[in-house]
Amino acid sequence: MGYRLLIVDTSGTEAFDDTRRFYAKNSYATEAKIRGFWADGDDKIIFAKRLR
């Protein structure tokens, strides 16, 4: 049986600390960090979660 993969991305700034904590608490894994994606000093953080 296959699975589904949920992908979410968010900002790496302090304003999104609660958002990143939410995803981490809900079993999302940090898959990638793209430095300066949104702006200088604002990284793109990509989370993923597999669903069965």
C-alpha atoms as a PDB file:
ATOM      1  CA  MET A   1       0.000   0.000   0.000  1.00  0.00           C
ATOM      2  CA  GLY A   2       1.268   3.463  -0.835  1.00  0.00           C
ATOM      3  CA  TYR A   3       1.323   6.639   1.153  1.00  0.00           C
ATOM      4  CA  ARG A   4       0.776  10.329   0.656  1.00  0.00           C
ATOM      5  CA  LEU A   5       3.395  12.943   1.295  1.00  0.00           C
ATOM      6  CA  LEU A   6       2.349  16.315   2.680  1.00  0.00           C
ATOM      7  CA  ILE A   7       4.754  19.160   1.961  1.00  0.00           C
ATOM      8  CA  VAL A   8       4.597  22.559   3.670  1.00  0.00           C
ATOM      9  CA  ASP A   9       6.938  25.482   3.579  1.00  0.00           C
ATOM     10  CA  THR A  10       7.303  28.417   5.902  1.00  0.00           C
ATOM     11  CA  SER A  11       9.637  31.243   6.770  1.00  0.00           C
ATOM     12  CA  GLY A  12      12.710  30.835   8.934  1.00  0.00           C
ATOM     13  CA  THR A  13      12.211  34.144  10.759  1.00  0.00           C
ATOM     14  CA  GLU A  14      11.395  34.488  14.459  1.00  0.00           C
ATOM     15  CA  ALA A  15       7.852  35.564  13.553  1.00  0.00           C
ATOM     16  CA  PHE A  16       7.239  31.978  12.367  1.00  0.00           C
ATOM     17  CA  ASP A  17       8.786  30.176  15.367  1.00  0.00           C
ATOM     18  CA  ASP A  18       5.344  29.021  16.573  1.00  0.00           C
ATOM     19  CA  THR A  19       4.478  27.760  13.090  1.00  0.00           C
ATOM     20  CA  ARG A  20       7.650  25.677  12.869  1.00  0.00           C
ATOM     21  CA  ARG A  21       7.101  24.314  16.385  1.00  0.00           C
ATOM     22  CA  PHE A  22       3.550  23.304  15.391  1.00  0.00           C
ATOM     23  CA  TYR A  23       4.794  21.267  12.431  1.00  0.00           C
ATOM     24  CA  ALA A  24       7.603  19.669  14.462  1.00  0.00           C
ATOM     25  CA  LYS A  25       5.128  18.728  17.230  1.00  0.00           C
ATOM     26  CA  ASN A  26       2.840  17.134  14.662  1.00  0.00           C
ATOM     27  CA  SER A  27       5.439  14.764  13.249  1.00  0.00           C
ATOM     28  CA  TYR A  28       6.535  16.823  10.252  1.00  0.00           C
ATOM     29  CA  ALA A  29      10.226  16.401   9.443  1.00  0.00           C
ATOM     30  CA  THR A  30      12.401  19.278   8.305  1.00  0.00           C
ATOM     31  CA  GLU A  31      13.401  18.264   4.779  1.00  0.00           C
ATOM     32  CA  ALA A  32      15.215  21.356   3.534  1.00  0.00           C
ATOM     33  CA  LYS A  33      16.322  24.873   4.308  1.00  0.00           C
ATOM     34  CA  ILE A  34      16.893  27.299   1.446  1.00  0.00           C
ATOM     35  CA  ARG A  35      18.853  30.246   2.746  1.00  0.00           C
ATOM     36  CA  GLY A  36      17.668  33.704   1.751  1.00  0.00           C
ATOM     37  CA  PHE A  37      14.748  32.393  -0.302  1.00  0.00           C
ATOM     38  CA  TRP A  38      12.140  34.959   0.753  1.00  0.00           C
ATOM     39  CA  ALA A  39      14.656  37.771   1.414  1.00  0.00           C
ATOM     40  CA  ASP A  40      18.125  38.253   2.878  1.00  0.00           C
ATOM     41  CA  GLY A  41      18.021  36.548   6.273  1.00  0.00           C
ATOM     42  CA  ASP A  42      14.621  34.953   5.601  1.00  0.00           C
ATOM     43  CA  ASP A  43      15.056  31.282   4.789  1.00  0.00           C
ATOM     44  CA  LYS A  44      12.471  28.925   3.351  1.00  0.00           C
ATOM     45  CA  ILE A  45      11.964  25.896   5.613  1.00  0.00           C
ATOM     46  CA  ILE A  46      10.345  22.859   4.010  1.00  0.00           C
ATOM     47  CA  PHE A  47       8.581  20.245   6.132  1.00  0.00           C
ATOM     48  CA  ALA A  48       7.209  16.863   5.065  1.00  0.00           C
ATOM     49  CA  LYS A  49       4.950  14.246   6.636  1.00  0.00           C
ATOM     50  CA  ARG A  50       4.053  10.818   5.271  1.00  0.00           C
ATOM     51  CA  LEU A  51       0.469   9.638   5.641  1.00  0.00           C
ATOM     52  CA  ARG A  52      -0.533   6.023   5.232  1.00  0.00           C
END
